[in-house]
């Protein structure tokens, strides 16, 4: 999904007061702005897929690895390093943000350190791992999955964003999950 040299396949998310997006040293750099991001410029699967990527917070103290993704007929965001730098969780479940719902947890993130992320989305479950450790395991059966109010919908169908930080992204890839993997 990223060739390490260009934004081919991506477009800048048109967030108000966004920072500059550029490719530098084999990474997509999301410059400091109110919110800065990139959005996949093509269709994307709605379920039964896995996304892997690496991200780094280069400057700032808020989320640097926010990913907005499709889930069935709606969208959700996995926030990493939000609400002052440590909150990990999904926004939104049952109209509650990542800082308020049952997926909310705290984790320290060091500036300048690359972290590996893995997101798995099936029709009934959202799972997420950071450096191989599972942080998200949400059964979404019967729950209201959606986006936080605001401009994050500019990141659909799939997008990455940072909030008041400078962030780097690299090694973006996805794959479809087989029927056996979705159970």
Protein backbone atom coordinates (compact mmCIF):
# COMPACT_ATOMS: atom_id res chain seq x y z
CA UNK A 1 0.00 0.00 0.00
CA UNK A 2 3.06 2.25 0.25
CA UNK A 3 6.06 2.06 -2.05
CA UNK A 4 8.36 4.05 0.27
CA UNK A 5 8.82 6.79 -2.34
CA UNK A 6 5.45 8.39 -3.12
CA UNK A 7 1.85 8.84 -1.98
CA UNK A 8 0.62 6.71 -4.91
CA UNK A 9 -2.80 5.33 -4.02
CA UNK A 10 -3.30 7.90 -1.24
CA UNK A 11 -4.57 11.46 -1.05
CA UNK A 12 -4.19 14.03 1.68
CA UNK A 13 -7.20 14.20 3.98
CA UNK A 14 -8.65 17.69 3.71
CA UNK A 15 -8.74 18.40 7.44
CA UNK A 16 -9.07 22.03 8.54
CA UNK A 17 -5.72 23.46 9.73
CA UNK A 18 -3.83 20.34 8.64
CA UNK A 19 -0.08 20.02 8.52
CA UNK A 20 2.04 19.14 5.52
CA UNK A 21 2.18 15.54 4.28
CA UNK A 22 5.40 14.38 2.64
CA UNK A 23 7.43 11.26 1.94
CA UNK A 24 10.83 11.35 3.57
CA UNK A 25 13.40 8.62 4.24
CA UNK A 26 11.01 5.82 3.22
CA UNK A 27 8.15 7.01 5.42
CA UNK A 28 5.01 9.10 5.07
CA UNK A 29 5.41 12.06 7.43
CA UNK A 30 2.23 13.68 8.76
CA UNK A 31 3.23 17.21 9.74
CA UNK A 32 1.96 19.05 12.77
CA UNK A 33 -1.47 20.54 12.32
CA UNK A 34 -4.79 20.39 14.10
CA UNK A 35 -5.23 16.99 12.45
CA UNK A 36 -3.20 15.71 9.51
CA UNK A 37 -3.77 12.57 7.53
CA UNK A 38 -3.96 10.50 4.38
CA UNK A 39 -6.89 8.64 2.86
CA UNK A 40 -6.89 5.59 0.58
CA UNK A 41 -8.06 6.76 -2.84
CA UNK A 42 -9.74 3.49 -3.91
CA UNK A 43 -12.35 1.09 -2.63
CA UNK A 44 -11.46 -1.02 0.38
CA UNK A 45 -12.97 -4.24 1.82
CA UNK A 46 -15.65 -3.74 4.49
CA UNK A 47 -14.82 -6.87 6.53
CA UNK A 48 -12.51 -9.85 6.73
CA UNK A 49 -9.18 -8.09 6.35
CA UNK A 50 -6.00 -7.37 8.26
CA UNK A 51 -3.89 -4.21 8.11
CA UNK A 52 -0.28 -3.99 9.29
CA UNK A 53 1.78 -0.85 9.57
CA UNK A 54 4.51 0.83 11.56
CA UNK A 55 4.19 4.29 13.11
CA UNK A 56 6.31 6.69 15.12
CA UNK A 57 5.55 9.87 17.08
CA UNK A 58 8.30 12.28 16.06
CA UNK A 59 7.04 15.40 17.87
CA UNK A 60 4.08 16.27 20.06
CA UNK A 61 2.07 14.50 22.74
CA UNK A 62 -1.15 13.20 21.21
CA UNK A 63 -2.27 10.49 18.85
CA UNK A 64 0.18 9.65 16.11
CA UNK A 65 -1.24 6.38 14.79
CA UNK A 66 -4.96 6.88 14.32
CA UNK A 67 -6.43 4.59 11.67
CA UNK A 68 -9.98 4.93 10.36
CA UNK A 69 -11.30 1.78 8.73
CA UNK A 70 -14.48 0.17 7.36
CA UNK A 71 -16.53 -2.23 9.48
CA UNK A 72 -19.52 -3.75 7.70
CA UNK A 73 -21.61 -0.75 6.55
CA UNK A 74 -19.96 1.84 8.80
CA UNK A 75 -16.51 3.01 9.94
CA UNK A 76 -14.48 3.12 13.15
CA UNK A 77 -11.15 4.59 14.28
CA UNK A 78 -8.41 2.92 16.31
CA UNK A 79 -6.68 5.69 18.25
CA UNK A 80 -3.14 5.14 19.52
CA UNK A 81 -1.59 7.67 21.87
CA UNK A 82 -4.62 9.93 22.22
CA UNK A 83 -5.93 12.19 24.98
CA UNK A 84 -2.55 13.56 25.96
CA UNK A 85 -0.43 10.69 24.67
CA UNK A 86 -1.36 7.38 26.28
CA UNK A 87 -4.93 6.31 25.40
CA UNK A 88 -5.44 3.33 23.07
CA UNK A 89 -8.97 2.40 22.01
CA UNK A 90 -11.76 2.44 19.43
CA UNK A 91 -13.81 5.50 18.54
CA UNK A 92 -16.64 5.04 18.65
CA UNK A 93 -18.51 2.16 20.18
CA UNK A 94 -22.06 2.77 21.39
CA UNK A 95 -21.47 6.52 20.90
CA UNK A 96 -18.50 6.52 23.31
CA UNK A 97 -14.98 7.64 22.37
CA UNK A 98 -11.82 5.59 22.81
CA UNK A 99 -11.24 7.31 26.15
CA UNK A 100 -14.68 6.28 27.46
CA UNK A 101 -15.59 2.80 26.19
CA UNK A 102 -14.52 -0.69 27.24
CA UNK A 103 -11.66 -0.80 24.69
CA UNK A 104 -9.86 2.08 26.43
CA UNK A 105 -6.46 1.30 27.88
CA UNK A 106 -3.29 3.23 28.61
CA UNK A 107 0.12 2.69 27.09
CA UNK A 108 3.25 4.81 27.07
CA UNK A 109 4.72 5.63 23.65
CA UNK A 110 8.31 6.86 23.34
CA UNK A 111 9.02 9.67 20.89
CA UNK A 112 11.23 8.54 18.03
CA UNK A 113 10.47 4.81 18.47
CA UNK A 114 8.76 2.86 15.69
CA UNK A 115 5.86 0.63 16.78
CA UNK A 116 4.29 -2.16 14.76
CA UNK A 117 0.49 -2.29 14.57
CA UNK A 118 -1.85 -5.02 13.38
CA UNK A 119 -5.60 -4.53 12.95
CA UNK A 120 -7.99 -7.36 12.17
CA UNK A 121 -11.62 -6.67 11.17
CA UNK A 122 -14.32 -9.30 10.77
CA UNK A 123 -18.10 -9.00 10.70
CA UNK A 124 -18.36 -9.48 14.49
CA UNK A 125 -14.99 -8.55 15.95
CA UNK A 126 -12.26 -5.90 15.87
CA UNK A 127 -8.83 -6.86 17.17
CA UNK A 128 -5.66 -4.82 17.44
CA UNK A 129 -2.06 -5.54 18.42
CA UNK A 130 0.86 -3.24 19.18
CA UNK A 131 4.30 -4.85 18.94
CA UNK A 132 2.64 -8.27 19.06
CA UNK A 133 0.68 -7.58 22.27
CA UNK A 134 -3.10 -7.56 21.92
CA UNK A 135 -4.74 -4.30 23.06
CA UNK A 136 -8.13 -4.52 21.32
CA UNK A 137 -10.50 -7.49 21.28
CA UNK A 138 -13.99 -6.09 20.79
CA UNK A 139 -17.03 -8.21 20.04
CA UNK A 140 -19.15 -5.75 18.06
CA UNK A 141 -22.25 -7.94 17.76
CA UNK A 142 -25.26 -5.75 18.54
CA UNK A 143 -23.10 -2.67 19.23
CA UNK A 144 -23.28 0.72 17.52
CA UNK A 145 -19.96 1.11 15.65
CA UNK A 146 -19.32 4.57 14.24
CA UNK A 147 -17.05 7.58 13.99
CA UNK A 148 -16.50 10.33 16.49
CA UNK A 149 -18.26 13.56 15.42
CA UNK A 150 -16.05 15.91 13.44
CA UNK A 151 -13.80 15.75 10.43
CA UNK A 152 -12.55 12.19 10.92
CA UNK A 153 -15.07 11.10 8.28
CA UNK A 154 -12.69 12.71 5.75
CA UNK A 155 -10.44 9.69 6.45
CA UNK A 156 -12.91 7.16 5.00
CA UNK A 157 -12.91 4.55 3.57
CA UNK A 158 -9.44 3.96 5.06
CA UNK A 159 -7.09 6.54 6.43
CA UNK A 160 -4.35 7.41 8.87
CA UNK A 161 -4.25 10.57 10.98
CA UNK A 162 -2.29 12.32 13.70
CA UNK A 163 -3.48 15.05 16.07
CA UNK A 164 -1.20 17.99 16.92
CA UNK A 165 1.84 15.78 16.40
CA UNK A 166 4.38 14.95 13.73
CA UNK A 167 4.07 11.27 12.89
CA UNK A 168 5.69 8.80 10.53
CA UNK A 169 4.09 5.81 8.79
CA UNK A 170 5.74 2.98 6.91
CA UNK A 171 5.31 -0.66 5.88
CA UNK A 172 1.57 -0.22 5.20
CA UNK A 173 0.03 -3.45 3.96
CA UNK A 174 -3.22 -5.34 4.06
CA UNK A 175 -4.51 -8.77 3.20
CA UNK A 176 -7.90 -10.44 2.99
CA UNK A 177 -8.68 -13.02 5.68
CA UNK A 178 -9.87 -16.48 4.74
CA UNK A 179 -13.15 -17.91 6.05
CA UNK A 180 -11.21 -20.03 8.54
CA UNK A 181 -9.45 -16.94 9.94
CA UNK A 182 -12.67 -15.02 10.53
CA UNK A 183 -14.14 -17.45 13.08
